[in-house]
Amino acid sequence: MSSPTVDIAKPIRLSIAGMRCAGCVEAVETALRNTPGVDAADVSFADHTALVRGQVAPETLKKALQDAGYDAVLVAVGAHQG
């Protein structure tokens, strides 16, 4: 059984553990942007979160980040991002 995907209109916000510098932010953004189904990924070092848009399952994003050396926790799907 495959993981459910999230509609492009519903952004996914993840909390990222392990980011310690601007290079980490770049590595996290690259890992997310290279994940199939991701249309956009914006990472905030200040609050250690990522906002991802696309048609992709949150578990797929978490796995991509794990493979890059970071831990992630799903914060919200489709919540107002303002």
Protein backbone atom coordinates (compact mmCIF):
# COMPACT_ATOMS: atom_id res chain seq x y z
CA MET A 1 0.00 0.00 0.00
CA SER A 2 1.44 3.37 -0.99
CA SER A 3 1.49 6.49 1.14
CA PRO A 4 -1.23 9.02 0.38
CA THR A 5 -0.16 12.10 -1.52
CA VAL A 6 -1.12 15.63 -0.63
CA ASP A 7 -2.83 17.88 -3.16
CA ILE A 8 -0.65 20.69 -4.54
CA ALA A 9 -3.04 23.26 -3.01
CA LYS A 10 -2.24 21.93 0.46
CA PRO A 11 1.27 22.84 1.57
CA ILE A 12 3.13 20.60 3.99
CA ARG A 13 5.02 22.13 6.90
CA LEU A 14 7.77 20.08 8.53
CA SER A 15 9.86 20.77 11.61
CA ILE A 16 13.51 19.93 10.83
CA ALA A 17 16.00 18.78 13.46
CA GLY A 18 19.73 19.00 12.93
CA MET A 19 20.09 22.23 10.93
CA ARG A 20 23.03 24.16 12.35
CA CYS A 21 24.09 26.53 9.57
CA ALA A 22 23.24 28.02 6.19
CA GLY A 23 24.85 25.01 4.52
CA CYS A 24 22.37 22.78 6.33
CA VAL A 25 19.49 24.87 4.99
CA GLU A 26 20.84 24.41 1.46
CA ALA A 27 21.20 20.64 1.99
CA VAL A 28 17.63 20.36 3.30
CA GLU A 29 16.23 22.44 0.42
CA THR A 30 18.15 20.34 -2.10
CA ALA A 31 16.95 17.06 -0.59
CA LEU A 32 13.35 18.25 -0.63
CA ARG A 33 13.47 19.83 -4.10
CA ASN A 34 15.01 16.66 -5.56
CA THR A 35 12.15 14.55 -4.21
CA PRO A 36 9.76 13.46 -6.98
CA GLY A 37 6.46 15.32 -6.73
CA VAL A 38 7.88 18.41 -5.01
CA ASP A 39 7.19 21.65 -6.88
CA ALA A 40 8.64 24.05 -4.30
CA ALA A 41 10.43 23.85 -0.96
CA ASP A 42 11.28 26.79 1.27
CA VAL A 43 13.36 26.24 4.41
CA SER A 44 13.58 28.64 7.36
CA PHE A 45 16.69 28.41 9.49
CA ALA A 46 15.14 30.79 12.04
CA ASP A 47 12.30 28.45 12.99
CA HIS A 48 13.82 25.19 11.64
CA THR A 49 10.88 24.45 9.38
CA ALA A 50 10.28 23.64 5.74
CA LEU A 51 7.23 24.51 3.68
CA VAL A 52 6.77 22.14 0.77
CA ARG A 53 4.31 22.34 -2.12
CA GLY A 54 3.61 19.56 -4.56
CA GLN A 55 1.96 16.20 -4.83
CA VAL A 56 3.95 14.11 -2.42
CA ALA A 57 3.35 12.13 0.74
CA PRO A 58 4.71 13.60 3.98
CA GLU A 59 6.41 10.27 4.72
CA THR A 60 8.30 10.54 1.43
CA LEU A 61 9.61 13.95 2.47
CA LYS A 62 10.63 12.67 5.88
CA LYS A 63 12.51 9.77 4.25
CA ALA A 64 14.34 12.14 1.87
CA LEU A 65 15.44 14.24 4.84
CA GLN A 66 16.50 11.17 6.82
CA ASP A 67 18.63 10.08 3.86
CA ALA A 68 20.25 13.55 3.91
CA GLY A 69 21.00 13.27 7.64
CA TYR A 70 18.12 15.25 9.15
CA ASP A 71 15.06 14.32 11.18
CA ALA A 72 11.66 15.80 10.38
CA VAL A 73 8.28 15.90 12.07
CA LEU A 74 5.07 16.74 10.26
CA VAL A 75 3.66 19.98 11.65
CA ALA A 76 0.71 20.69 9.36
CA VAL A 77 -0.88 19.84 6.04
CA GLY A 78 -2.90 22.50 4.31
CA ALA A 79 -2.90 24.91 7.25
CA HIS A 80 -2.82 28.63 6.57
CA GLN A 81 0.79 29.59 5.95
CA GLY A 82 0.95 33.30 6.58
